Amino acid sequence: MMPTVMIRRTDTGALTFYVAKKDLEETVVSVETDTEGAWGGEVALADGSRFYVEPISPPPRFPTTVRCRRL
């Protein structure tokens, strides 16, 4: 299953990861690839869960909606 998630930037600059069907909203603590050329890969959340987002090039503007898979 590949849930659709919304990733947005908070007022403090942190990214949040929201999965509507699970009513899960967590802060992103790390992203495998976060450069000027690409964004994505393994995304780790504050609650310890990890997801994989196919790298996006060029990086998306936030907020954005992407499909991912749970690791």
C-alpha atoms as a PDB file:
ATOM      1  CA  MET A   1       0.000   0.000   0.000  1.00  0.00           C
ATOM      2  CA  MET A   2       1.306   3.441  -0.913  1.00  0.00           C
ATOM      3  CA  PRO A   3      -0.381   6.116   1.180  1.00  0.00           C
ATOM      4  CA  THR A   4      -0.677   9.660  -0.068  1.00  0.00           C
ATOM      5  CA  VAL A   5       0.811  12.100   2.421  1.00  0.00           C
ATOM      6  CA  MET A   6       0.960  15.868   2.730  1.00  0.00           C
ATOM      7  CA  ILE A   7       4.264  17.436   3.684  1.00  0.00           C
ATOM      8  CA  ARG A   8       4.246  21.050   4.760  1.00  0.00           C
ATOM      9  CA  ARG A   9       6.633  23.512   6.346  1.00  0.00           C
ATOM     10  CA  THR A  10       5.688  25.002   9.719  1.00  0.00           C
ATOM     11  CA  ASP A  11       6.232  28.631  10.747  1.00  0.00           C
ATOM     12  CA  THR A  12       9.490  27.537  12.426  1.00  0.00           C
ATOM     13  CA  GLY A  13      10.793  25.926   9.221  1.00  0.00           C
ATOM     14  CA  ALA A  14      10.308  22.291  10.303  1.00  0.00           C
ATOM     15  CA  LEU A  15       8.594  19.833   7.962  1.00  0.00           C
ATOM     16  CA  THR A  16       5.495  17.926   9.079  1.00  0.00           C
ATOM     17  CA  PHE A  17       4.273  14.691   7.527  1.00  0.00           C
ATOM     18  CA  TYR A  18       0.498  14.067   7.513  1.00  0.00           C
ATOM     19  CA  VAL A  19      -1.202  10.790   6.566  1.00  0.00           C
ATOM     20  CA  ALA A  20      -4.948  11.527   6.411  1.00  0.00           C
ATOM     21  CA  LYS A  21      -6.247   7.938   6.439  1.00  0.00           C
ATOM     22  CA  LYS A  22      -4.277   7.187   9.621  1.00  0.00           C
ATOM     23  CA  ASP A  23      -4.781  10.660  11.129  1.00  0.00           C
ATOM     24  CA  LEU A  24      -1.014  10.699  11.697  1.00  0.00           C
ATOM     25  CA  GLU A  25       0.847  13.996  11.839  1.00  0.00           C
ATOM     26  CA  GLU A  26       4.495  13.962  12.864  1.00  0.00           C
ATOM     27  CA  THR A  27       7.561  16.144  12.525  1.00  0.00           C
ATOM     28  CA  VAL A  28      10.161  15.049   9.964  1.00  0.00           C
ATOM     29  CA  VAL A  29      13.499  14.550  11.738  1.00  0.00           C
ATOM     30  CA  SER A  30      15.594  13.538   8.712  1.00  0.00           C
ATOM     31  CA  VAL A  31      15.411  13.151   4.938  1.00  0.00           C
ATOM     32  CA  GLU A  32      17.917  10.988   3.060  1.00  0.00           C
ATOM     33  CA  THR A  33      18.294  13.494   0.175  1.00  0.00           C
ATOM     34  CA  ASP A  34      17.669  17.196   0.766  1.00  0.00           C
ATOM     35  CA  THR A  35      19.729  19.169  -1.745  1.00  0.00           C
ATOM     36  CA  GLU A  36      19.177  21.909  -4.311  1.00  0.00           C
ATOM     37  CA  GLY A  37      18.908  19.180  -6.960  1.00  0.00           C
ATOM     38  CA  ALA A  38      16.618  16.613  -5.300  1.00  0.00           C
ATOM     39  CA  TRP A  39      14.462  15.826  -2.267  1.00  0.00           C
ATOM     40  CA  GLY A  40      13.285  12.438  -0.988  1.00  0.00           C
ATOM     41  CA  GLY A  41      14.472   8.954  -0.137  1.00  0.00           C
ATOM     42  CA  GLU A  42      14.103   7.652   3.402  1.00  0.00           C
ATOM     43  CA  VAL A  43      12.128  10.026   5.636  1.00  0.00           C
ATOM     44  CA  ALA A  44      12.353   9.521   9.422  1.00  0.00           C
ATOM     45  CA  LEU A  45       9.628  10.896  11.692  1.00  0.00           C
ATOM     46  CA  ALA A  46       9.772  11.974  15.330  1.00  0.00           C
ATOM     47  CA  ASP A  47       7.722   8.935  16.441  1.00  0.00           C
ATOM     48  CA  GLY A  48      10.359   6.573  14.984  1.00  0.00           C
ATOM     49  CA  SER A  49       8.419   5.539  11.879  1.00  0.00           C
ATOM     50  CA  ARG A  50      10.142   5.648   8.499  1.00  0.00           C
ATOM     51  CA  PHE A  51       8.772   6.084   4.997  1.00  0.00           C
ATOM     52  CA  TYR A  52      10.300   6.093   1.525  1.00  0.00           C
ATOM     53  CA  VAL A  53       9.480   8.891  -0.911  1.00  0.00           C
ATOM     54  CA  GLU A  54      10.764   8.476  -4.462  1.00  0.00           C
ATOM     55  CA  PRO A  55      13.308  11.322  -4.866  1.00  0.00           C
ATOM     56  CA  ILE A  56      11.839  14.391  -6.571  1.00  0.00           C
ATOM     57  CA  SER A  57      13.987  16.548  -8.847  1.00  0.00           C
ATOM     58  CA  PRO A  58      13.869  19.485  -8.657  1.00  0.00           C
ATOM     59  CA  PRO A  59      12.780  19.565  -4.987  1.00  0.00           C
ATOM     60  CA  PRO A  60       9.083  20.299  -4.447  1.00  0.00           C
ATOM     61  CA  ARG A  61       7.675  23.514  -3.057  1.00  0.00           C
ATOM     62  CA  PHE A  62       5.948  22.901   0.273  1.00  0.00           C
ATOM     63  CA  PRO A  63       3.166  22.149   0.982  1.00  0.00           C
ATOM     64  CA  THR A  64       3.137  19.184  -1.380  1.00  0.00           C
ATOM     65  CA  THR A  65       1.352  15.861  -1.651  1.00  0.00           C
ATOM     66  CA  VAL A  66       3.376  12.724  -2.453  1.00  0.00           C
ATOM     67  CA  ARG A  67       2.946   8.965  -2.470  1.00  0.00           C
ATOM     68  CA  CYS A  68       5.227   6.961  -0.210  1.00  0.00           C
ATOM     69  CA  ARG A  69       5.713   3.542   1.284  1.00  0.00           C
ATOM     70  CA  ARG A  70       6.284   2.558   4.879  1.00  0.00           C
ATOM     71  CA  LEU A  71       9.708   1.081   5.672  1.00  0.00           C
END
